[in-house]
Amino acid sequence: MQRRGAVNLPLHGGHPPGWLFSRMVKLSGALASVIIEEYSMEEFLNRISNPYWTII
């Protein structure tokens, strides 16, 4: 079952510190690699396009 709806995800108005930004870039790359390796590119794209993907 796939949920449907709208989600309000406001972006932060300021700029993150450089050290935090670089850590988050590395973390997001690692997460993407694991999801693609364990599941597939199609599943990664499905999850990244779904705002509720952590609930699945």
PDB file of N, CA and C in Angstrom:
ATOM      1  N   MET A   1       0.839  -1.174   0.000  1.00  0.00           N
ATOM      2  CA  MET A   1       0.000   0.000   0.000  1.00  0.00           C
ATOM      3  C   MET A   1       0.887   1.242   0.000  1.00  0.00           C
ATOM      4  N   GLN A   2       0.595   2.154  -0.861  1.00  0.00           N
ATOM      5  CA  GLN A   2       1.368   3.383  -0.948  1.00  0.00           C
ATOM      6  C   GLN A   2       0.511   4.549  -0.471  1.00  0.00           C
ATOM      7  N   ARG A   3       1.054   5.329   0.444  1.00  0.00           N
ATOM      8  CA  ARG A   3       0.347   6.506   0.931  1.00  0.00           C
ATOM      9  C   ARG A   3       0.433   7.622  -0.095  1.00  0.00           C
ATOM     10  N   ARG A   4      -0.572   8.435  -0.102  1.00  0.00           N
ATOM     11  CA  ARG A   4      -0.582   9.583  -0.997  1.00  0.00           C
ATOM     12  C   ARG A   4      -0.970  10.812  -0.192  1.00  0.00           C
ATOM     13  N   GLY A   5      -0.427  11.936  -0.564  1.00  0.00           N
ATOM     14  CA  GLY A   5      -0.758  13.167   0.131  1.00  0.00           C
ATOM     15  C   GLY A   5       0.319  14.212  -0.091  1.00  0.00           C
ATOM     16  N   ALA A   6       0.196  15.275   0.638  1.00  0.00           N
ATOM     17  CA  ALA A   6       1.160  16.365   0.539  1.00  0.00           C
ATOM     18  C   ALA A   6       1.892  16.513   1.869  1.00  0.00           C
ATOM     19  N   VAL A   7       3.143  16.894   1.793  1.00  0.00           N
ATOM     20  CA  VAL A   7       3.951  17.075   2.982  1.00  0.00           C
ATOM     21  C   VAL A   7       4.597  18.454   2.906  1.00  0.00           C
ATOM     22  N   ASN A   8       4.551  19.171   3.992  1.00  0.00           N
ATOM     23  CA  ASN A   8       5.207  20.468   4.061  1.00  0.00           C
ATOM     24  C   ASN A   8       6.566  20.274   4.728  1.00  0.00           C
ATOM     25  N   LEU A   9       7.627  20.372   3.956  1.00  0.00           N
ATOM     26  CA  LEU A   9       8.980  20.209   4.464  1.00  0.00           C
ATOM     27  C   LEU A   9       9.751  21.505   4.229  1.00  0.00           C
ATOM     28  N   PRO A  10       9.587  22.468   5.130  1.00  0.00           N
ATOM     29  CA  PRO A  10      10.265  23.752   4.908  1.00  0.00           C
ATOM     30  C   PRO A  10      11.778  23.607   4.998  1.00  0.00           C
ATOM     31  N   LEU A  11      12.468  24.324   4.135  1.00  0.00           N
ATOM     32  CA  LEU A  11      13.921  24.307   4.144  1.00  0.00           C
ATOM     33  C   LEU A  11      14.442  25.317   5.149  1.00  0.00           C
ATOM     34  N   HIS A  12      15.594  25.043   5.678  1.00  0.00           N
ATOM     35  CA  HIS A  12      16.236  25.954   6.612  1.00  0.00           C
ATOM     36  C   HIS A  12      16.618  27.227   5.871  1.00  0.00           C
ATOM     37  N   GLY A  13      16.377  28.368   6.470  1.00  0.00           N
ATOM     38  CA  GLY A  13      16.634  29.635   5.804  1.00  0.00           C
ATOM     39  C   GLY A  13      18.093  30.054   5.787  1.00  0.00           C
ATOM     40  N   GLY A  14      18.895  29.511   6.684  1.00  0.00           N
ATOM     41  CA  GLY A  14      20.290  29.919   6.768  1.00  0.00           C
ATOM     42  C   GLY A  14      21.216  28.968   6.047  1.00  0.00           C
ATOM     43  N   HIS A  15      22.493  29.106   6.322  1.00  0.00           N
ATOM     44  CA  HIS A  15      23.504  28.249   5.719  1.00  0.00           C
ATOM     45  C   HIS A  15      24.101  27.348   6.783  1.00  0.00           C
ATOM     46  N   PRO A  16      24.290  26.059   6.469  1.00  0.00           N
ATOM     47  CA  PRO A  16      24.893  25.171   7.459  1.00  0.00           C
ATOM     48  C   PRO A  16      26.394  25.444   7.568  1.00  0.00           C
ATOM     49  N   PRO A  17      26.979  25.117   8.707  1.00  0.00           N
ATOM     50  CA  PRO A  17      28.437  25.232   8.816  1.00  0.00           C
ATOM     51  C   PRO A  17      29.110  24.305   7.809  1.00  0.00           C
ATOM     52  N   GLY A  18      30.278  24.681   7.321  1.00  0.00           N
ATOM     53  CA  GLY A  18      30.976  23.890   6.313  1.00  0.00           C
ATOM     54  C   GLY A  18      31.246  22.458   6.742  1.00  0.00           C
ATOM     55  N   TRP A  19      31.630  22.262   8.015  1.00  0.00           N
ATOM     56  CA  TRP A  19      31.933  20.916   8.502  1.00  0.00           C
ATOM     57  C   TRP A  19      30.689  20.032   8.479  1.00  0.00           C
ATOM     58  N   LEU A  20      29.515  20.611   8.818  1.00  0.00           N
ATOM     59  CA  LEU A  20      28.275  19.836   8.827  1.00  0.00           C
ATOM     60  C   LEU A  20      27.855  19.484   7.403  1.00  0.00           C
ATOM     61  N   PHE A  21      27.966  20.444   6.501  1.00  0.00           N
ATOM     62  CA  PHE A  21      27.595  20.198   5.109  1.00  0.00           C
ATOM     63  C   PHE A  21      28.428  19.065   4.509  1.00  0.00           C
ATOM     64  N   SER A  22      29.732  19.076   4.725  1.00  0.00           N
ATOM     65  CA  SER A  22      30.587  18.034   4.152  1.00  0.00           C
ATOM     66  C   SER A  22      30.276  16.673   4.763  1.00  0.00           C
ATOM     67  N   ARG A  23      29.947  16.629   6.056  1.00  0.00           N
ATOM     68  CA  ARG A  23      29.581  15.356   6.685  1.00  0.00           C
ATOM     69  C   ARG A  23      28.263  14.817   6.123  1.00  0.00           C
ATOM     70  N   MET A  24      27.303  15.708   5.894  1.00  0.00           N
ATOM     71  CA  MET A  24      26.004  15.283   5.371  1.00  0.00           C
ATOM     72  C   MET A  24      26.106  14.812   3.921  1.00  0.00           C
ATOM     73  N   VAL A  25      26.989  15.413   3.144  1.00  0.00           N
ATOM     74  CA  VAL A  25      27.215  14.961   1.767  1.00  0.00           C
ATOM     75  C   VAL A  25      27.773  13.538   1.783  1.00  0.00           C
ATOM     76  N   LYS A  26      28.745  13.268   2.648  1.00  0.00           N
ATOM     77  CA  LYS A  26      29.321  11.919   2.759  1.00  0.00           C
ATOM     78  C   LYS A  26      28.271  10.913   3.233  1.00  0.00           C
ATOM     79  N   LEU A  27      27.478  11.316   4.220  1.00  0.00           N
ATOM     80  CA  LEU A  27      26.446  10.428   4.751  1.00  0.00           C
ATOM     81  C   LEU A  27      25.396  10.098   3.695  1.00  0.00           C
ATOM     82  N   SER A  28      24.937  11.097   2.949  1.00  0.00           N
ATOM     83  CA  SER A  28      23.921  10.841   1.927  1.00  0.00           C
ATOM     84  C   SER A  28      24.463   9.935   0.820  1.00  0.00           C
ATOM     85  N   GLY A  29      25.739  10.093   0.472  1.00  0.00           N
ATOM     86  CA  GLY A  29      26.341   9.214  -0.528  1.00  0.00           C
ATOM     87  C   GLY A  29      26.419   7.781  -0.041  1.00  0.00           C
ATOM     88  N   ALA A  30      26.767   7.603   1.245  1.00  0.00           N
ATOM     89  CA  ALA A  30      26.842   6.260   1.819  1.00  0.00           C
ATOM     90  C   ALA A  30      25.459   5.612   1.870  1.00  0.00           C
ATOM     91  N   LEU A  31      24.448   6.374   2.271  1.00  0.00           N
ATOM     92  CA  LEU A  31      23.084   5.831   2.318  1.00  0.00           C
ATOM     93  C   LEU A  31      22.602   5.430   0.928  1.00  0.00           C
ATOM     94  N   ALA A  32      22.851   6.271  -0.048  1.00  0.00           N
ATOM     95  CA  ALA A  32      22.434   5.957  -1.420  1.00  0.00           C
ATOM     96  C   ALA A  32      23.135   4.684  -1.905  1.00  0.00           C
ATOM     97  N   SER A  33      24.422   4.557  -1.636  1.00  0.00           N
ATOM     98  CA  SER A  33      25.175   3.370  -2.062  1.00  0.00           C
ATOM     99  C   SER A  33      24.622   2.090  -1.451  1.00  0.00           C
ATOM    100  N   VAL A  34      24.295   2.141  -0.159  1.00  0.00           N
ATOM    101  CA  VAL A  34      23.768   0.953   0.520  1.00  0.00           C
ATOM    102  C   VAL A  34      22.403   0.567  -0.038  1.00  0.00           C
ATOM    103  N   ILE A  35      21.531   1.537  -0.220  1.00  0.00           N
ATOM    104  CA  ILE A  35      20.194   1.233  -0.749  1.00  0.00           C
ATOM    105  C   ILE A  35      20.298   0.649  -2.154  1.00  0.00           C
ATOM    106  N   ILE A  36      21.151   1.218  -2.995  1.00  0.00           N
ATOM    107  CA  ILE A  36      21.311   0.707  -4.366  1.00  0.00           C
ATOM    108  C   ILE A  36      21.902  -0.696  -4.353  1.00  0.00           C
ATOM    109  N   GLU A  37      22.897  -0.933  -3.499  1.00  0.00           N
ATOM    110  CA  GLU A  37      23.532  -2.253  -3.435  1.00  0.00           C
ATOM    111  C   GLU A  37      22.593  -3.320  -2.885  1.00  0.00           C
ATOM    112  N   GLU A  38      21.846  -2.984  -1.847  1.00  0.00           N
ATOM    113  CA  GLU A  38      20.963  -3.964  -1.199  1.00  0.00           C
ATOM    114  C   GLU A  38      19.672  -4.214  -1.981  1.00  0.00           C
ATOM    115  N   TYR A  39      19.169  -3.179  -2.639  1.00  0.00           N
ATOM    116  CA  TYR A  39      17.894  -3.307  -3.338  1.00  0.00           C
ATOM    117  C   TYR A  39      18.100  -3.144  -4.840  1.00  0.00           C
ATOM    118  N   SER A  40      18.056  -1.929  -5.334  1.00  0.00           N
ATOM    119  CA  SER A  40      18.296  -1.648  -6.756  1.00  0.00           C
ATOM    120  C   SER A  40      18.208  -0.149  -6.983  1.00  0.00           C
ATOM    121  N   MET A  41      18.648   0.275  -8.144  1.00  0.00           N
ATOM    122  CA  MET A  41      18.539   1.690  -8.501  1.00  0.00           C
ATOM    123  C   MET A  41      17.073   2.095  -8.566  1.00  0.00           C
ATOM    124  N   GLU A  42      16.240   1.212  -9.084  1.00  0.00           N
ATOM    125  CA  GLU A  42      14.807   1.505  -9.177  1.00  0.00           C
ATOM    126  C   GLU A  42      14.210   1.727  -7.786  1.00  0.00           C
ATOM    127  N   GLU A  43      14.576   0.880  -6.828  1.00  0.00           N
ATOM    128  CA  GLU A  43      14.073   1.030  -5.464  1.00  0.00           C
ATOM    129  C   GLU A  43      14.603   2.314  -4.826  1.00  0.00           C
ATOM    130  N   PHE A  44      15.856   2.665  -5.089  1.00  0.00           N
ATOM    131  CA  PHE A  44      16.413   3.915  -4.571  1.00  0.00           C
ATOM    132  C   PHE A  44      15.611   5.104  -5.095  1.00  0.00           C
ATOM    133  N   LEU A  45      15.346   5.119  -6.388  1.00  0.00           N
ATOM    134  CA  LEU A  45      14.577   6.221  -6.972  1.00  0.00           C
ATOM    135  C   LEU A  45      13.161   6.256  -6.414  1.00  0.00           C
ATOM    136  N   ASN A  46      12.572   5.084  -6.188  1.00  0.00           N
ATOM    137  CA  ASN A  46      11.241   5.005  -5.600  1.00  0.00           C
ATOM    138  C   ASN A  46      11.250   5.600  -4.194  1.00  0.00           C
ATOM    139  N   ARG A  47      12.242   5.236  -3.396  1.00  0.00           N
ATOM    140  CA  ARG A  47      12.308   5.737  -2.026  1.00  0.00           C
ATOM    141  C   ARG A  47      12.616   7.216  -1.963  1.00  0.00           C
ATOM    142  N   ILE A  48      13.538   7.685  -2.776  1.00  0.00           N
ATOM    143  CA  ILE A  48      13.939   9.087  -2.713  1.00  0.00           C
ATOM    144  C   ILE A  48      12.823  10.007  -3.204  1.00  0.00           C
ATOM    145  N   SER A  49      11.920   9.496  -4.023  1.00  0.00           N
ATOM    146  CA  SER A  49      10.808  10.306  -4.515  1.00  0.00           C
ATOM    147  C   SER A  49       9.584  10.228  -3.611  1.00  0.00           C
ATOM    148  N   ASN A  50       9.637   9.410  -2.563  1.00  0.00           N
ATOM    149  CA  ASN A  50       8.510   9.213  -1.665  1.00  0.00           C
ATOM    150  C   ASN A  50       8.814   9.892  -0.322  1.00  0.00           C
ATOM    151  N   PRO A  51       8.054  10.932   0.069  1.00  0.00           N
ATOM    152  CA  PRO A  51       8.342  11.621   1.322  1.00  0.00           C
ATOM    153  C   PRO A  51       8.108  10.746   2.556  1.00  0.00           C
ATOM    154  N   TYR A  52       7.412   9.617   2.426  1.00  0.00           N
ATOM    155  CA  TYR A  52       7.150   8.720   3.541  1.00  0.00           C
ATOM    156  C   TYR A  52       8.058   7.502   3.542  1.00  0.00           C
ATOM    157  N   TRP A  53       9.181   7.513   2.814  1.00  0.00           N
ATOM    158  CA  TRP A  53       9.988   6.299   2.607  1.00  0.00           C
ATOM    159  C   TRP A  53      10.521   5.689   3.894  1.00  0.00           C
ATOM    160  N   THR A  54      10.706   6.464   4.954  1.00  0.00           N
ATOM    161  CA  THR A  54      11.207   5.894   6.207  1.00  0.00           C
ATOM    162  C   THR A  54      10.153   5.051   6.892  1.00  0.00           C
ATOM    163  N   ILE A  55       8.887   5.218   6.530  1.00  0.00           N
ATOM    164  CA  ILE A  55       7.789   4.452   7.135  1.00  0.00           C
ATOM    165  C   ILE A  55       7.636   3.098   6.462  1.00  0.00           C
ATOM    166  N   ILE A  56       8.066   2.987   5.218  1.00  0.00           N
ATOM    167  CA  ILE A  56       7.875   1.753   4.443  1.00  0.00           C
ATOM    168  C   ILE A  56       8.611   0.614   5.086  1.00  0.00           C
TER     169      ILE A  56
END
